[in-house]
C-alpha atoms as a PDB file:
ATOM      1  CA  UNK A   1      59.200 308.500 250.703  1.00  0.00           C
ATOM      2  CA  UNK A   2      62.227 307.010 252.398  1.00  0.00           C
ATOM      3  CA  UNK A   3      60.421 303.678 252.775  1.00  0.00           C
ATOM      4  CA  UNK A   4      59.571 303.570 249.040  1.00  0.00           C
ATOM      5  CA  UNK A   5      63.189 304.279 248.055  1.00  0.00           C
ATOM      6  CA  UNK A   6      64.395 301.574 250.433  1.00  0.00           C
ATOM      7  CA  UNK A   7      61.991 299.010 248.898  1.00  0.00           C
ATOM      8  CA  UNK A   8      63.024 299.937 245.363  1.00  0.00           C
ATOM      9  CA  UNK A   9      66.703 299.589 246.343  1.00  0.00           C
ATOM     10  CA  UNK A  10      66.060 296.114 247.708  1.00  0.00           C
ATOM     11  CA  UNK A  11      64.254 295.048 244.513  1.00  0.00           C
ATOM     12  CA  UNK A  12      67.111 296.206 242.287  1.00  0.00           C
ATOM     13  CA  UNK A  13      69.885 294.721 244.413  1.00  0.00           C
ATOM     14  CA  UNK A  14      71.365 291.318 243.133  1.00  0.00           C
ATOM     15  CA  UNK A  15      69.917 288.333 244.874  1.00  0.00           C
ATOM     16  CA  UNK A  16      71.986 285.510 246.301  1.00  0.00           C
ATOM     17  CA  UNK A  17      71.952 282.299 244.280  1.00  0.00           C
ATOM     18  CA  UNK A  18      69.737 279.538 245.610  1.00  0.00           C
ATOM     19  CA  UNK A  19      71.322 276.405 247.015  1.00  0.00           C
ATOM     20  CA  UNK A  20      68.865 274.117 245.290  1.00  0.00           C
ATOM     21  CA  UNK A  21      70.168 274.935 241.772  1.00  0.00           C
ATOM     22  CA  UNK A  22      73.901 274.767 242.445  1.00  0.00           C
ATOM     23  CA  UNK A  23      76.184 271.977 243.455  1.00  0.00           C
ATOM     24  CA  UNK A  24      79.470 272.305 245.209  1.00  0.00           C
ATOM     25  CA  UNK A  25      82.601 271.116 243.393  1.00  0.00           C
ATOM     26  CA  UNK A  26      83.369 268.691 246.181  1.00  0.00           C
ATOM     27  CA  UNK A  27      80.000 266.929 245.931  1.00  0.00           C
ATOM     28  CA  UNK A  28      80.250 266.726 242.118  1.00  0.00           C
ATOM     29  CA  UNK A  29      83.742 265.317 242.317  1.00  0.00           C
ATOM     30  CA  UNK A  30      82.621 262.796 244.933  1.00  0.00           C
ATOM     31  CA  UNK A  31      79.764 261.584 242.706  1.00  0.00           C
ATOM     32  CA  UNK A  32      82.058 261.204 239.682  1.00  0.00           C
ATOM     33  CA  UNK A  33      84.633 259.299 241.693  1.00  0.00           C
ATOM     34  CA  UNK A  34      81.917 256.993 243.051  1.00  0.00           C
ATOM     35  CA  UNK A  35      80.594 256.186 239.564  1.00  0.00           C
ATOM     36  CA  UNK A  36      84.125 255.648 238.230  1.00  0.00           C
ATOM     37  CA  UNK A  37      84.954 253.364 241.146  1.00  0.00           C
ATOM     38  CA  UNK A  38      81.844 251.231 240.582  1.00  0.00           C
ATOM     39  CA  UNK A  39      82.598 250.985 236.885  1.00  0.00           C
ATOM     40  CA  UNK A  40      86.212 249.967 237.460  1.00  0.00           C
ATOM     41  CA  UNK A  41      85.155 247.315 239.963  1.00  0.00           C
ATOM     42  CA  UNK A  42      82.684 245.869 237.437  1.00  0.00           C
ATOM     43  CA  UNK A  43      85.270 245.857 234.656  1.00  0.00           C
ATOM     44  CA  UNK A  44      87.969 244.310 236.839  1.00  0.00           C
ATOM     45  CA  UNK A  45      85.689 241.567 238.168  1.00  0.00           C
ATOM     46  CA  UNK A  46      86.869 238.277 236.666  1.00  0.00           C
ATOM     47  CA  UNK A  47      84.285 235.606 235.795  1.00  0.00           C
ATOM     48  CA  UNK A  48      84.455 232.345 237.673  1.00  0.00           C
ATOM     49  CA  UNK A  49      85.753 229.154 236.137  1.00  0.00           C
ATOM     50  CA  UNK A  50      82.243 227.702 235.900  1.00  0.00           C
ATOM     51  CA  UNK A  51      80.941 230.779 234.076  1.00  0.00           C
ATOM     52  CA  UNK A  52      83.802 230.644 231.575  1.00  0.00           C
ATOM     53  CA  UNK A  53      83.192 226.937 231.025  1.00  0.00           C
ATOM     54  CA  UNK A  54      79.459 227.443 230.500  1.00  0.00           C
ATOM     55  CA  UNK A  55      80.075 230.241 228.012  1.00  0.00           C
ATOM     56  CA  UNK A  56      82.551 228.132 226.051  1.00  0.00           C
ATOM     57  CA  UNK A  57      80.179 225.168 225.969  1.00  0.00           C
ATOM     58  CA  UNK A  58      77.301 227.357 224.809  1.00  0.00           C
ATOM     59  CA  UNK A  59      79.406 228.903 222.051  1.00  0.00           C
ATOM     60  CA  UNK A  60      80.638 225.473 220.955  1.00  0.00           C
ATOM     61  CA  UNK A  61      77.136 223.990 220.918  1.00  0.00           C
ATOM     62  CA  UNK A  62      75.806 226.966 218.978  1.00  0.00           C
ATOM     63  CA  UNK A  63      78.596 226.717 216.404  1.00  0.00           C
ATOM     64  CA  UNK A  64      78.155 222.971 215.962  1.00  0.00           C
ATOM     65  CA  UNK A  65      74.378 223.281 215.656  1.00  0.00           C
ATOM     66  CA  UNK A  66      74.724 226.105 213.148  1.00  0.00           C
ATOM     67  CA  UNK A  67      77.185 224.090 211.067  1.00  0.00           C
ATOM     68  CA  UNK A  68      74.845 221.087 211.098  1.00  0.00           C
ATOM     69  CA  UNK A  69      71.872 223.188 210.045  1.00  0.00           C
ATOM     70  CA  UNK A  70      73.830 224.852 207.251  1.00  0.00           C
ATOM     71  CA  UNK A  71      75.153 221.501 206.026  1.00  0.00           C
ATOM     72  CA  UNK A  72      71.737 219.835 206.051  1.00  0.00           C
ATOM     73  CA  UNK A  73      70.078 222.725 204.207  1.00  0.00           C
ATOM     74  CA  UNK A  74      72.883 222.708 201.636  1.00  0.00           C
ATOM     75  CA  UNK A  75      72.360 218.995 200.975  1.00  0.00           C
ATOM     76  CA  UNK A  76      68.609 219.519 200.676  1.00  0.00           C
ATOM     77  CA  UNK A  77      69.171 222.370 198.240  1.00  0.00           C
ATOM     78  CA  UNK A  78      71.532 220.333 196.054  1.00  0.00           C
ATOM     79  CA  UNK A  79      69.248 217.285 196.072  1.00  0.00           C
ATOM     80  CA  UNK A  80      66.192 219.394 195.290  1.00  0.00           C
ATOM     81  CA  UNK A  81      67.960 221.168 192.433  1.00  0.00           C
ATOM     82  CA  UNK A  82      69.338 217.956 190.909  1.00  0.00           C
ATOM     83  CA  UNK A  83      65.952 216.203 191.007  1.00  0.00           C
ATOM     84  CA  UNK A  84      63.545 219.053 190.254  1.00  0.00           C
ATOM     85  CA  UNK A  85      65.285 221.360 187.780  1.00  0.00           C
ATOM     86  CA  UNK A  86      65.583 218.741 184.973  1.00  0.00           C
ATOM     87  CA  UNK A  87      61.880 217.969 185.388  1.00  0.00           C
ATOM     88  CA  UNK A  88      60.986 221.656 185.204  1.00  0.00           C
ATOM     89  CA  UNK A  89      63.031 222.165 182.031  1.00  0.00           C
ATOM     90  CA  UNK A  90      61.700 219.031 180.316  1.00  0.00           C
ATOM     91  CA  UNK A  91      58.117 219.808 181.292  1.00  0.00           C
ATOM     92  CA  UNK A  92      58.400 223.405 180.056  1.00  0.00           C
ATOM     93  CA  UNK A  93      59.709 222.215 176.677  1.00  0.00           C
ATOM     94  CA  UNK A  94      57.023 219.560 176.203  1.00  0.00           C
ATOM     95  CA  UNK A  95      54.163 221.796 177.339  1.00  0.00           C
ATOM     96  CA  UNK A  96      55.417 224.574 175.069  1.00  0.00           C
ATOM     97  CA  UNK A  97      55.381 222.198 172.103  1.00  0.00           C
ATOM     98  CA  UNK A  98      52.074 220.409 172.723  1.00  0.00           C
ATOM     99  CA  UNK A  99      49.938 222.711 174.882  1.00  0.00           C
ATOM    100  CA  UNK A 100      47.797 224.026 171.991  1.00  0.00           C
ATOM    101  CA  UNK A 101      47.768 220.786 170.047  1.00  0.00           C
ATOM    102  CA  UNK A 102      44.222 219.969 168.815  1.00  0.00           C
ATOM    103  CA  UNK A 103      44.580 216.364 169.883  1.00  0.00           C
ATOM    104  CA  UNK A 104      44.937 217.538 173.505  1.00  0.00           C
ATOM    105  CA  UNK A 105      41.698 219.492 173.496  1.00  0.00           C
ATOM    106  CA  UNK A 106      40.095 216.962 175.832  1.00  0.00           C
ATOM    107  CA  UNK A 107      43.212 216.406 177.971  1.00  0.00           C
ATOM    108  CA  UNK A 108      42.709 219.272 180.383  1.00  0.00           C
ATOM    109  CA  UNK A 109      43.339 217.136 183.448  1.00  0.00           C
ATOM    110  CA  UNK A 110      46.637 215.933 182.001  1.00  0.00           C
ATOM    111  CA  UNK A 111      47.782 219.429 181.021  1.00  0.00           C
ATOM    112  CA  UNK A 112      46.822 221.181 184.233  1.00  0.00           C
ATOM    113  CA  UNK A 113      48.235 218.473 186.454  1.00  0.00           C
ATOM    114  CA  UNK A 114      51.582 218.723 184.669  1.00  0.00           C
ATOM    115  CA  UNK A 115      51.516 222.526 184.856  1.00  0.00           C
ATOM    116  CA  UNK A 116      50.728 222.658 188.580  1.00  0.00           C
ATOM    117  CA  UNK A 117      53.284 219.971 189.393  1.00  0.00           C
ATOM    118  CA  UNK A 118      55.947 221.842 187.403  1.00  0.00           C
ATOM    119  CA  UNK A 119      55.217 225.061 189.281  1.00  0.00           C
ATOM    120  CA  UNK A 120      55.355 223.148 192.556  1.00  0.00           C
ATOM    121  CA  UNK A 121      58.798 221.767 191.707  1.00  0.00           C
ATOM    122  CA  UNK A 122      60.075 225.214 190.722  1.00  0.00           C
ATOM    123  CA  UNK A 123      58.866 226.948 193.877  1.00  0.00           C
ATOM    124  CA  UNK A 124      60.231 224.110 195.992  1.00  0.00           C
ATOM    125  CA  UNK A 125      63.736 224.793 194.672  1.00  0.00           C
ATOM    126  CA  UNK A 126      63.306 228.534 195.222  1.00  0.00           C
ATOM    127  CA  UNK A 127      62.154 228.080 198.825  1.00  0.00           C
ATOM    128  CA  UNK A 128      64.990 225.637 199.552  1.00  0.00           C
ATOM    129  CA  UNK A 129      67.478 228.210 198.231  1.00  0.00           C
ATOM    130  CA  UNK A 130      66.026 230.989 200.395  1.00  0.00           C
ATOM    131  CA  UNK A 131      66.009 228.712 203.461  1.00  0.00           C
ATOM    132  CA  UNK A 132      69.664 227.863 202.841  1.00  0.00           C
ATOM    133  CA  UNK A 133      70.543 231.557 202.584  1.00  0.00           C
ATOM    134  CA  UNK A 134      68.797 232.391 205.843  1.00  0.00           C
ATOM    135  CA  UNK A 135      70.359 229.407 207.640  1.00  0.00           C
ATOM    136  CA  UNK A 136      73.891 230.048 206.370  1.00  0.00           C
ATOM    137  CA  UNK A 137      73.860 233.691 207.525  1.00  0.00           C
ATOM    138  CA  UNK A 138      74.948 234.027 211.149  1.00  0.00           C
ATOM    139  CA  UNK A 139      73.323 236.716 213.299  1.00  0.00           C
ATOM    140  CA  UNK A 140      76.705 238.379 213.984  1.00  0.00           C
ATOM    141  CA  UNK A 141      78.052 238.034 210.444  1.00  0.00           C
ATOM    142  CA  UNK A 142      78.667 241.587 209.236  1.00  0.00           C
ATOM    143  CA  UNK A 143      79.505 240.447 205.714  1.00  0.00           C
ATOM    144  CA  UNK A 144      75.772 239.906 205.068  1.00  0.00           C
ATOM    145  CA  UNK A 145      74.696 243.318 206.318  1.00  0.00           C
ATOM    146  CA  UNK A 146      73.008 243.995 202.966  1.00  0.00           C
ATOM    147  CA  UNK A 147      70.284 241.436 203.759  1.00  0.00           C
ATOM    148  CA  UNK A 148      69.182 242.228 207.333  1.00  0.00           C
ATOM    149  CA  UNK A 149      65.895 240.396 206.756  1.00  0.00           C
ATOM    150  CA  UNK A 150      67.765 237.091 206.437  1.00  0.00           C
ATOM    151  CA  UNK A 151      68.106 236.601 210.190  1.00  0.00           C
ATOM    152  CA  UNK A 152      64.651 237.864 211.150  1.00  0.00           C
ATOM    153  CA  UNK A 153      62.646 235.288 213.156  1.00  0.00           C
ATOM    154  CA  UNK A 154      59.478 236.359 211.352  1.00  0.00           C
ATOM    155  CA  UNK A 155      61.086 235.638 207.970  1.00  0.00           C
ATOM    156  CA  UNK A 156      62.297 232.213 209.103  1.00  0.00           C
ATOM    157  CA  UNK A 157      58.875 231.358 210.499  1.00  0.00           C
ATOM    158  CA  UNK A 158      57.207 232.422 207.258  1.00  0.00           C
ATOM    159  CA  UNK A 159      59.656 230.339 205.212  1.00  0.00           C
ATOM    160  CA  UNK A 160      58.998 227.280 207.349  1.00  0.00           C
ATOM    161  CA  UNK A 161      55.256 227.756 206.888  1.00  0.00           C
ATOM    162  CA  UNK A 162      55.649 228.108 203.123  1.00  0.00           C
ATOM    163  CA  UNK A 163      57.877 225.039 202.973  1.00  0.00           C
ATOM    164  CA  UNK A 164      55.386 222.999 204.994  1.00  0.00           C
ATOM    165  CA  UNK A 165      52.521 224.164 202.783  1.00  0.00           C
ATOM    166  CA  UNK A 166      54.435 223.175 199.643  1.00  0.00           C
ATOM    167  CA  UNK A 167      55.055 219.719 201.086  1.00  0.00           C
ATOM    168  CA  UNK A 168      51.363 219.246 201.826  1.00  0.00           C
ATOM    169  CA  UNK A 169      50.448 220.506 198.364  1.00  0.00           C
ATOM    170  CA  UNK A 170      52.956 218.139 196.776  1.00  0.00           C
ATOM    171  CA  UNK A 171      51.532 215.159 198.657  1.00  0.00           C
ATOM    172  CA  UNK A 172      47.957 216.074 197.730  1.00  0.00           C
ATOM    173  CA  UNK A 173      48.858 216.680 194.068  1.00  0.00           C
ATOM    174  CA  UNK A 174      50.759 213.391 193.957  1.00  0.00           C
ATOM    175  CA  UNK A 175      47.605 211.556 195.048  1.00  0.00           C
ATOM    176  CA  UNK A 176      45.620 213.431 192.407  1.00  0.00           C
ATOM    177  CA  UNK A 177      48.211 212.424 189.811  1.00  0.00           C
ATOM    178  CA  UNK A 178      47.759 208.769 190.705  1.00  0.00           C
ATOM    179  CA  UNK A 179      44.073 209.049 189.821  1.00  0.00           C
ATOM    180  CA  UNK A 180      44.423 211.292 186.761  1.00  0.00           C
ATOM    181  CA  UNK A 181      47.623 209.988 185.178  1.00  0.00           C
ATOM    182  CA  UNK A 182      48.043 206.322 185.987  1.00  0.00           C
ATOM    183  CA  UNK A 183      44.380 205.494 185.359  1.00  0.00           C
ATOM    184  CA  UNK A 184      44.231 207.591 182.146  1.00  0.00           C
ATOM    185  CA  UNK A 185      44.899 205.179 179.266  1.00  0.00           C
ATOM    186  CA  UNK A 186      42.960 207.131 176.659  1.00  0.00           C
ATOM    187  CA  UNK A 187      45.627 209.751 175.904  1.00  0.00           C
ATOM    188  CA  UNK A 188      48.669 207.483 176.095  1.00  0.00           C
ATOM    189  CA  UNK A 189      48.120 206.089 172.590  1.00  0.00           C
ATOM    190  CA  UNK A 190      47.880 209.309 170.570  1.00  0.00           C
ATOM    191  CA  UNK A 191      51.022 211.056 169.410  1.00  0.00           C
ATOM    192  CA  UNK A 192      50.492 214.388 171.154  1.00  0.00           C
ATOM    193  CA  UNK A 193      48.885 212.915 174.229  1.00  0.00           C
ATOM    194  CA  UNK A 194      51.590 210.285 174.403  1.00  0.00           C
ATOM    195  CA  UNK A 195      54.442 212.797 174.883  1.00  0.00           C
ATOM    196  CA  UNK A 196      52.623 214.789 177.540  1.00  0.00           C
ATOM    197  CA  UNK A 197      51.345 211.635 179.175  1.00  0.00           C
ATOM    198  CA  UNK A 198      54.841 210.154 179.248  1.00  0.00           C
ATOM    199  CA  UNK A 199      56.117 213.330 180.891  1.00  0.00           C
ATOM    200  CA  UNK A 200      53.401 213.259 183.537  1.00  0.00           C
ATOM    201  CA  UNK A 201      53.883 209.537 184.116  1.00  0.00           C
ATOM    202  CA  UNK A 202      57.637 210.083 184.580  1.00  0.00           C
ATOM    203  CA  UNK A 203      56.913 212.788 187.172  1.00  0.00           C
ATOM    204  CA  UNK A 204      54.642 210.451 189.129  1.00  0.00           C
ATOM    205  CA  UNK A 205      57.302 207.733 188.943  1.00  0.00           C
ATOM    206  CA  UNK A 206      59.935 210.124 190.319  1.00  0.00           C
ATOM    207  CA  UNK A 207      57.573 210.966 193.185  1.00  0.00           C
ATOM    208  CA  UNK A 208      57.351 207.271 194.009  1.00  0.00           C
ATOM    209  CA  UNK A 209      61.145 207.008 193.839  1.00  0.00           C
ATOM    210  CA  UNK A 210      61.542 209.899 196.315  1.00  0.00           C
ATOM    211  CA  UNK A 211      59.074 208.298 198.713  1.00  0.00           C
ATOM    212  CA  UNK A 212      60.816 204.916 198.628  1.00  0.00           C
ATOM    213  CA  UNK A 213      64.341 206.371 198.377  1.00  0.00           C
ATOM    214  CA  UNK A 214      65.487 205.105 201.823  1.00  0.00           C
ATOM    215  CA  UNK A 215      64.415 201.572 200.921  1.00  0.00           C
ATOM    216  CA  UNK A 216      66.163 201.815 197.549  1.00  0.00           C
ATOM    217  CA  UNK A 217      69.382 203.011 199.183  1.00  0.00           C
ATOM    218  CA  UNK A 218      69.212 200.180 201.711  1.00  0.00           C
ATOM    219  CA  UNK A 219      68.717 197.586 198.974  1.00  0.00           C
ATOM    220  CA  UNK A 220      71.605 199.065 196.964  1.00  0.00           C
ATOM    221  CA  UNK A 221      73.965 199.087 199.959  1.00  0.00           C
ATOM    222  CA  UNK A 222      73.042 195.620 201.189  1.00  0.00           C
ATOM    223  CA  UNK A 223      75.453 193.735 198.859  1.00  0.00           C
ATOM    224  CA  UNK A 224      78.244 196.197 199.641  1.00  0.00           C
ATOM    225  CA  UNK A 225      77.724 195.761 203.369  1.00  0.00           C
ATOM    226  CA  UNK A 226      77.615 191.967 203.120  1.00  0.00           C
ATOM    227  CA  UNK A 227      80.801 191.649 201.050  1.00  0.00           C
ATOM    228  CA  UNK A 228      82.853 194.563 202.436  1.00  0.00           C
ATOM    229  CA  UNK A 229      81.927 194.508 206.120  1.00  0.00           C
ATOM    230  CA  UNK A 230      84.642 191.989 207.156  1.00  0.00           C
ATOM    231  CA  UNK A 231      87.331 194.066 205.440  1.00  0.00           C
ATOM    232  CA  UNK A 232      85.979 197.250 206.993  1.00  0.00           C
ATOM    233  CA  UNK A 233      86.025 195.720 210.475  1.00  0.00           C
ATOM    234  CA  UNK A 234      89.648 194.614 210.082  1.00  0.00           C
ATOM    235  CA  UNK A 235      90.612 198.057 208.809  1.00  0.00           C
ATOM    236  CA  UNK A 236      88.958 199.800 211.750  1.00  0.00           C
ATOM    237  CA  UNK A 237      90.675 197.440 214.178  1.00  0.00           C
ATOM    238  CA  UNK A 238      94.048 198.425 212.726  1.00  0.00           C
ATOM    239  CA  UNK A 239      93.271 202.143 212.869  1.00  0.00           C
ATOM    240  CA  UNK A 240      92.019 202.303 216.458  1.00  0.00           C
ATOM    241  CA  UNK A 241      94.130 202.734 219.581  1.00  0.00           C
ATOM    242  CA  UNK A 242      95.809 199.401 220.475  1.00  0.00           C
ATOM    243  CA  UNK A 243      95.069 200.069 224.149  1.00  0.00           C
ATOM    244  CA  UNK A 244      91.398 200.802 223.546  1.00  0.00           C
ATOM    245  CA  UNK A 245      89.195 198.372 225.412  1.00  0.00           C
ATOM    246  CA  UNK A 246      92.093 197.084 227.569  1.00  0.00           C
ATOM    247  CA  UNK A 247      91.435 198.157 231.111  1.00  0.00           C
ATOM    248  CA  UNK A 248      93.991 198.304 233.898  1.00  0.00           C
ATOM    249  CA  UNK A 249      93.962 195.896 236.812  1.00  0.00           C
ATOM    250  CA  UNK A 250      93.189 196.996 240.349  1.00  0.00           C
ATOM    251  CA  UNK A 251      96.833 196.469 241.346  1.00  0.00           C
ATOM    252  CA  UNK A 252      98.126 198.828 238.633  1.00  0.00           C
ATOM    253  CA  UNK A 253      95.559 201.489 239.520  1.00  0.00           C
ATOM    254  CA  UNK A 254      96.396 201.223 243.237  1.00  0.00           C
ATOM    255  CA  UNK A 255     100.087 201.884 242.516  1.00  0.00           C
ATOM    256  CA  UNK A 256      99.328 205.272 240.968  1.00  0.00           C
ATOM    257  CA  UNK A 257     100.012 208.186 243.344  1.00  0.00           C
ATOM    258  CA  UNK A 258      97.033 209.924 244.923  1.00  0.00           C
ATOM    259  CA  UNK A 259      97.402 213.222 246.783  1.00  0.00           C
ATOM    260  CA  UNK A 260      95.060 215.653 248.552  1.00  0.00           C
ATOM    261  CA  UNK A 261      94.499 218.840 246.604  1.00  0.00           C
ATOM    262  CA  UNK A 262      95.914 222.169 247.746  1.00  0.00           C
ATOM    263  CA  UNK A 263      95.423 225.506 246.015  1.00  0.00           C
ATOM    264  CA  UNK A 264      99.188 225.940 245.553  1.00  0.00           C
ATOM    265  CA  UNK A 265      99.574 222.861 243.343  1.00  0.00           C
ATOM    266  CA  UNK A 266      98.206 224.178 240.039  1.00  0.00           C
ATOM    267  CA  UNK A 267      97.277 227.474 238.417  1.00  0.00           C
ATOM    268  CA  UNK A 268      93.636 228.474 238.647  1.00  0.00           C
ATOM    269  CA  UNK A 269      92.957 227.630 235.003  1.00  0.00           C
ATOM    270  CA  UNK A 270      94.339 224.094 235.500  1.00  0.00           C
ATOM    271  CA  UNK A 271      92.669 223.325 238.828  1.00  0.00           C
ATOM    272  CA  UNK A 272      89.845 221.237 237.396  1.00  0.00           C
ATOM    273  CA  UNK A 273      89.178 217.657 236.355  1.00  0.00           C
ATOM    274  CA  UNK A 274      89.104 217.116 232.590  1.00  0.00           C
ATOM    275  CA  UNK A 275      86.648 214.228 232.944  1.00  0.00           C
ATOM    276  CA  UNK A 276      83.825 215.763 234.984  1.00  0.00           C
ATOM    277  CA  UNK A 277      84.866 219.409 234.317  1.00  0.00           C
ATOM    278  CA  UNK A 278      84.431 220.311 238.001  1.00  0.00           C
ATOM    279  CA  UNK A 279      86.936 222.397 239.931  1.00  0.00           C
ATOM    280  CA  UNK A 280      89.078 220.811 242.603  1.00  0.00           C
ATOM    281  CA  UNK A 281      88.116 221.336 246.238  1.00  0.00           C
ATOM    282  CA  UNK A 282      90.569 221.644 249.108  1.00  0.00           C
ATOM    283  CA  UNK A 283      91.733 218.248 250.462  1.00  0.00           C
ATOM    284  CA  UNK A 284      89.941 216.434 247.623  1.00  0.00           C
ATOM    285  CA  UNK A 285      91.788 213.272 246.576  1.00  0.00           C
ATOM    286  CA  UNK A 286      93.445 213.502 243.162  1.00  0.00           C
ATOM    287  CA  UNK A 287      95.050 210.798 241.060  1.00  0.00           C
ATOM    288  CA  UNK A 288      98.296 211.686 239.244  1.00  0.00           C
ATOM    289  CA  UNK A 289      99.160 209.533 236.224  1.00  0.00           C
ATOM    290  CA  UNK A 290     102.715 208.803 235.001  1.00  0.00           C
ATOM    291  CA  UNK A 291     102.278 211.438 232.289  1.00  0.00           C
ATOM    292  CA  UNK A 292     101.739 214.057 235.065  1.00  0.00           C
ATOM    293  CA  UNK A 293      98.099 214.662 234.156  1.00  0.00           C
ATOM    294  CA  UNK A 294      95.784 214.838 237.161  1.00  0.00           C
ATOM    295  CA  UNK A 295      92.111 214.038 237.707  1.00  0.00           C
ATOM    296  CA  UNK A 296      89.641 213.271 240.453  1.00  0.00           C
ATOM    297  CA  UNK A 297      90.506 209.851 241.818  1.00  0.00           C
ATOM    298  CA  UNK A 298      86.940 208.580 241.478  1.00  0.00           C
ATOM    299  CA  UNK A 299      86.645 209.866 237.905  1.00  0.00           C
ATOM    300  CA  UNK A 300      89.903 208.513 236.539  1.00  0.00           C
ATOM    301  CA  UNK A 301      89.627 205.163 238.338  1.00  0.00           C
ATOM    302  CA  UNK A 302      86.366 204.445 236.511  1.00  0.00           C
ATOM    303  CA  UNK A 303      88.069 205.374 233.237  1.00  0.00           C
ATOM    304  CA  UNK A 304      91.163 203.230 233.868  1.00  0.00           C
ATOM    305  CA  UNK A 305      89.071 200.141 234.559  1.00  0.00           C
ATOM    306  CA  UNK A 306      87.839 200.353 230.953  1.00  0.00           C
ATOM    307  CA  UNK A 307      90.873 201.916 229.240  1.00  0.00           C
ATOM    308  CA  UNK A 308      94.388 201.828 230.690  1.00  0.00           C
ATOM    309  CA  UNK A 309      95.466 205.105 229.093  1.00  0.00           C
ATOM    310  CA  UNK A 310      95.434 208.745 230.114  1.00  0.00           C
ATOM    311  CA  UNK A 311      92.169 210.420 229.066  1.00  0.00           C
ATOM    312  CA  UNK A 312      94.109 213.490 227.910  1.00  0.00           C
ATOM    313  CA  UNK A 313      97.225 212.270 226.064  1.00  0.00           C
ATOM    314  CA  UNK A 314      96.481 208.505 225.682  1.00  0.00           C
ATOM    315  CA  UNK A 315      99.719 207.516 227.410  1.00  0.00           C
ATOM    316  CA  UNK A 316      99.561 204.004 228.830  1.00  0.00           C
ATOM    317  CA  UNK A 317      99.719 203.680 232.608  1.00  0.00           C
ATOM    318  CA  UNK A 318     100.960 200.099 232.396  1.00  0.00           C
ATOM    319  CA  UNK A 319     104.678 200.069 233.289  1.00  0.00           C
ATOM    320  CA  UNK A 320     105.163 197.047 231.025  1.00  0.00           C
ATOM    321  CA  UNK A 321     104.100 199.037 227.959  1.00  0.00           C
ATOM    322  CA  UNK A 322     106.552 201.133 225.970  1.00  0.00           C
ATOM    323  CA  UNK A 323     106.762 204.793 226.867  1.00  0.00           C
ATOM    324  CA  UNK A 324     104.689 207.025 224.654  1.00  0.00           C
ATOM    325  CA  UNK A 325     105.661 210.681 224.254  1.00  0.00           C
ATOM    326  CA  UNK A 326     103.225 212.876 226.093  1.00  0.00           C
ATOM    327  CA  UNK A 327     101.906 216.183 224.831  1.00  0.00           C
ATOM    328  CA  UNK A 328     102.350 219.410 226.802  1.00  0.00           C
ATOM    329  CA  UNK A 329     102.150 218.211 230.423  1.00  0.00           C
ATOM    330  CA  UNK A 330     101.438 220.948 232.969  1.00  0.00           C
ATOM    331  CA  UNK A 331     104.673 222.333 234.382  1.00  0.00           C
ATOM    332  CA  UNK A 332     103.342 222.798 237.920  1.00  0.00           C
ATOM    333  CA  UNK A 333     102.448 219.162 238.549  1.00  0.00           C
ATOM    334  CA  UNK A 334     106.071 218.514 239.612  1.00  0.00           C
ATOM    335  CA  UNK A 335     105.147 220.223 242.877  1.00  0.00           C
ATOM    336  CA  UNK A 336     103.057 217.261 243.978  1.00  0.00           C
ATOM    337  CA  UNK A 337     105.473 214.384 243.233  1.00  0.00           C
END
């Protein structure tokens, strides 16, 4: 009886909490401080000069490439609209007037070729417009958030496939038009067939003009180039730098001061050569120009042999030339002269 009461008392008594499910405040605080310290070290870590330079170059190249793509697609859209839309409108009017004409009952090839070619021109303009919209929208441009599909790679790939297919269809249908339109003299004499035939013949002629457009532009510009080229050359000679193409002699280059590099000479952001974009190394020989700009001696000597001016501010290094105001020379270069 006493043993049973003792066992029941032990079962009802509160049990001590297990160590596995609790954590001491000190250990929790230590873990939080460790995570915070790692995070602060990552946030305070400054990128190297080479990393910053690579990022800037990548951003610049991406921006330039995006601007070129947007500009080229805009020109293609304008050219396509100017050439194709008038043909679509004129063809729609003529086909609407003469499609059911009894005299065109046997002109099915003429009618269907004009219809298919008109649809091809229309869809070409539409696809060019959509391609321009997808190219002009930047991936991080939040102003175009209403069209998230515009930057999808799948959409761009599909548009390129559609555009390529339309080009192949246009080339094939142009060859068909040469056989059906140019060789068809039967329907060019009748009144109804004459209007539709003239429209189709004009479309084929425009296709030829687009194919030989580079040659036509070259022929048109040839007289302008022949007569205006001497004046253009003289104008460009007046506009260019008078010191361009005039290299410095070895004696003038040798008189320029050259010093070994030390880390105390310049700030970290200015301790690099503007020609090769590499950072200076300790005891590396630098060349200091009269305008106080500094470069690697090997880099700037090659430049001065071709052009006797500073690569940064275009100030002449020839003491016989007039002084040219320099632009924002680094303040710390006075430490080395």
